[in-house]
Protein backbone atom coordinates (compact mmCIF):
# COMPACT_ATOMS: atom_id res chain seq x y z
CA MET A 1 -130.25 48.99 229.30
CA ILE A 2 -132.97 46.95 230.67
CA GLU A 3 -134.32 48.34 234.16
CA LYS A 4 -133.35 46.08 237.37
CA SER A 5 -136.67 47.32 238.75
CA LYS A 6 -138.73 46.09 235.82
CA ILE A 7 -137.21 42.51 236.17
CA THR A 8 -137.33 42.68 239.82
CA GLN A 9 -141.14 43.28 239.85
CA LEU A 10 -141.68 40.55 236.96
CA ALA A 11 -139.84 37.94 239.29
CA GLU A 12 -141.74 39.00 242.33
CA ASP A 13 -145.02 39.03 240.49
CA TYR A 14 -144.07 35.24 239.22
CA LEU A 15 -142.77 34.05 242.51
CA ALA A 16 -145.64 35.68 244.81
CA SER A 17 -147.73 32.35 244.25
CA SER A 18 -144.99 29.84 244.78
CA ALA A 19 -142.54 28.75 247.71
CA ASN A 20 -139.57 30.37 246.05
CA TYR A 21 -138.62 33.69 246.79
CA LEU A 22 -136.55 36.57 244.92
CA VAL A 23 -133.16 37.09 246.44
CA ASP A 24 -131.16 39.24 244.08
CA VAL A 25 -131.38 40.68 240.36
CA VAL A 26 -128.15 41.96 238.87
CA ILE A 27 -127.67 43.43 235.39
CA LYS A 28 -124.12 43.14 234.42
CA PRO A 29 -122.54 45.01 231.23
CA GLY A 30 -123.77 43.71 227.90
CA ASN A 31 -127.34 43.35 229.37
CA LEU A 32 -126.61 40.11 231.21
CA ILE A 33 -129.37 39.55 233.68
CA VAL A 34 -128.69 37.53 236.57
CA VAL A 35 -131.70 36.48 238.84
CA GLU A 36 -131.13 34.47 241.97
CA ILE A 37 -133.84 32.63 243.99
CA ASP A 38 -134.29 30.74 247.11
CA ASN A 39 -136.59 28.60 248.97
CA ASP A 40 -137.10 27.68 252.53
CA ASP A 41 -136.49 23.88 251.34
CA ALA A 42 -134.79 23.62 248.07
CA VAL A 43 -134.91 25.42 244.72
CA CYS A 44 -135.88 22.75 241.88
CA ILE A 45 -134.21 23.17 238.36
CA ASP A 46 -137.83 23.30 236.93
CA ASP A 47 -138.42 26.47 239.28
CA CYS A 48 -135.48 28.32 237.56
CA VAL A 49 -136.60 27.10 233.93
CA ALA A 50 -140.19 28.07 234.52
CA LEU A 51 -139.21 31.77 235.94
CA SER A 52 -136.59 32.05 232.93
CA ARG A 53 -139.51 31.33 230.53
CA TYR A 54 -141.81 33.87 232.09
CA LEU A 55 -139.08 36.49 232.08
CA GLU A 56 -138.28 35.74 228.35
CA ASP A 57 -142.12 36.02 227.44
CA ASN A 58 -142.30 39.30 229.16
CA LEU A 59 -139.38 40.92 227.90
CA ASP A 60 -139.07 42.51 224.15
CA ARG A 61 -135.87 41.02 222.53
CA GLU A 62 -136.61 43.09 219.63
CA ALA A 63 -136.46 46.25 221.71
CA GLU A 64 -133.18 45.37 223.60
CA ASP A 65 -131.35 42.48 223.59
CA PHE A 66 -130.47 40.28 226.52
CA GLU A 67 -128.90 37.32 228.20
CA LEU A 68 -130.61 35.86 231.08
CA GLU A 69 -129.22 33.76 233.74
CA VAL A 70 -131.91 32.12 236.21
CA GLY A 71 -130.33 30.37 239.32
CA SER A 72 -130.70 29.27 243.28
CA ALA A 73 -128.63 30.80 245.90
CA GLY A 74 -125.77 28.74 246.44
CA VAL A 75 -125.10 26.88 250.05
CA THR A 76 -121.87 28.96 249.88
CA SER A 77 -123.48 32.41 248.88
CA PRO A 78 -123.79 35.33 251.44
CA PHE A 79 -127.41 35.69 252.61
CA LYS A 80 -128.93 38.62 250.79
CA VAL A 81 -132.43 38.89 252.32
CA LEU A 82 -133.92 38.33 255.72
CA ARG A 83 -135.83 35.42 254.66
CA GLN A 84 -132.48 33.65 254.24
CA TYR A 85 -131.48 34.39 257.75
CA LEU A 86 -134.77 32.91 258.83
CA LYS A 87 -134.38 29.82 256.72
CA ASN A 88 -130.86 29.29 258.62
CA VAL A 89 -132.12 29.91 262.21
CA GLY A 90 -130.69 27.13 264.18
CA ASN A 91 -127.68 26.42 262.00
CA GLU A 92 -124.08 27.48 262.22
CA VAL A 93 -122.91 30.62 260.38
CA GLU A 94 -120.18 32.45 259.83
CA VAL A 95 -120.50 36.24 260.06
CA LEU A 96 -118.09 38.70 258.92
CA LEU A 97 -118.54 42.28 260.63
CA LYS A 98 -117.81 45.59 258.63
CA ASN A 99 -114.89 46.25 261.21
CA GLY A 100 -112.99 42.79 259.65
CA ILE A 101 -114.19 40.52 262.58
CA LYS A 102 -115.08 37.28 261.77
CA LEU A 103 -117.23 35.15 263.95
CA THR A 104 -118.85 31.71 263.77
CA GLY A 105 -121.70 30.48 265.77
CA LEU A 106 -125.35 29.34 265.96
CA LEU A 107 -127.82 31.68 264.25
CA LYS A 108 -130.16 31.96 267.24
CA SER A 109 -132.55 34.72 265.70
CA ALA A 110 -133.18 37.28 263.09
CA HIS A 111 -135.60 40.36 262.51
CA GLU A 112 -135.87 43.43 260.52
CA LYS A 113 -132.96 44.92 262.31
CA GLY A 114 -130.33 42.11 262.76
CA ILE A 115 -129.28 38.80 264.18
CA VAL A 116 -128.70 37.08 267.50
CA ILE A 117 -125.59 34.45 267.21
CA SER A 118 -124.42 32.15 270.07
CA ILE A 119 -120.72 32.16 270.02
CA GLU A 120 -118.37 29.93 272.19
CA LYS A 121 -115.91 32.18 274.15
CA GLN A 122 -112.70 31.28 276.48
CA VAL A 123 -113.32 32.91 279.93
CA LYS A 124 -111.16 32.40 282.96
CA PRO A 125 -113.30 32.57 286.06
CA GLU A 126 -111.83 34.49 288.92
CA GLY A 127 -109.40 32.14 290.99
CA ALA A 128 -109.52 29.29 288.18
CA LYS A 129 -106.10 28.32 286.84
CA ARG A 130 -107.71 27.50 283.51
CA LYS A 131 -110.15 29.16 281.14
CA VAL A 132 -113.33 27.59 280.16
CA THR A 133 -115.35 27.60 277.29
CA VAL A 134 -118.76 29.70 277.71
CA GLN A 135 -121.66 30.34 275.20
CA GLU A 136 -122.38 33.93 274.94
CA ASP A 137 -125.56 35.16 272.76
CA VAL A 138 -124.36 38.44 270.78
CA ILE A 139 -126.59 41.08 269.13
CA TYR A 140 -125.74 42.42 265.71
CA THR A 141 -127.53 45.05 263.45
CA PHE A 142 -127.28 44.60 259.62
CA ASP A 143 -125.33 48.04 259.50
CA GLU A 144 -122.71 46.14 261.06
CA ILE A 145 -122.47 43.18 259.26
CA LYS A 146 -120.72 42.85 256.03
CA ASN A 147 -121.93 39.37 255.17
CA THR A 148 -123.03 36.23 256.40
CA LYS A 149 -122.68 32.60 255.04
CA TYR A 150 -123.93 29.02 256.04
CA LEU A 151 -120.99 27.03 257.80
CA ILE A 152 -120.30 23.78 256.21
CA ARG A 153 -118.38 21.51 258.32
CA PHE A 154 -117.09 18.11 257.34
CA LYS A 155 -116.79 15.87 260.56
């Protein structure tokens, strides 16, 4: 079986000189290699083709046969690396916590340990008859987060 570490190293070496970055490498049964890349702006199909050719040229089909798929991280795919979080600072996201709670809010910041998300909350001020909506910044570590996705809204 082809080693994930070898594919990861080849992809990172190739992408080091480009605006693209590696998101994930998955090796499925039957030696199906799936490589996912992203970019702070947009991934071009030519970038995927070039990476695919580079990987093909550096792997030996005679030693072991494989199938290769190189694609971009989809807009509905969960974030997998910190750079995807950083790319989406200022955007609305959906966060699913490991305890099952799902939140939507504005991604305010991201760092190596976690994120800050601004959520709307209904609060009843003391002495008031009705609840009011307030913004609250909440901090979550990556250990608390199951996944985070870009939130698409059609208005």
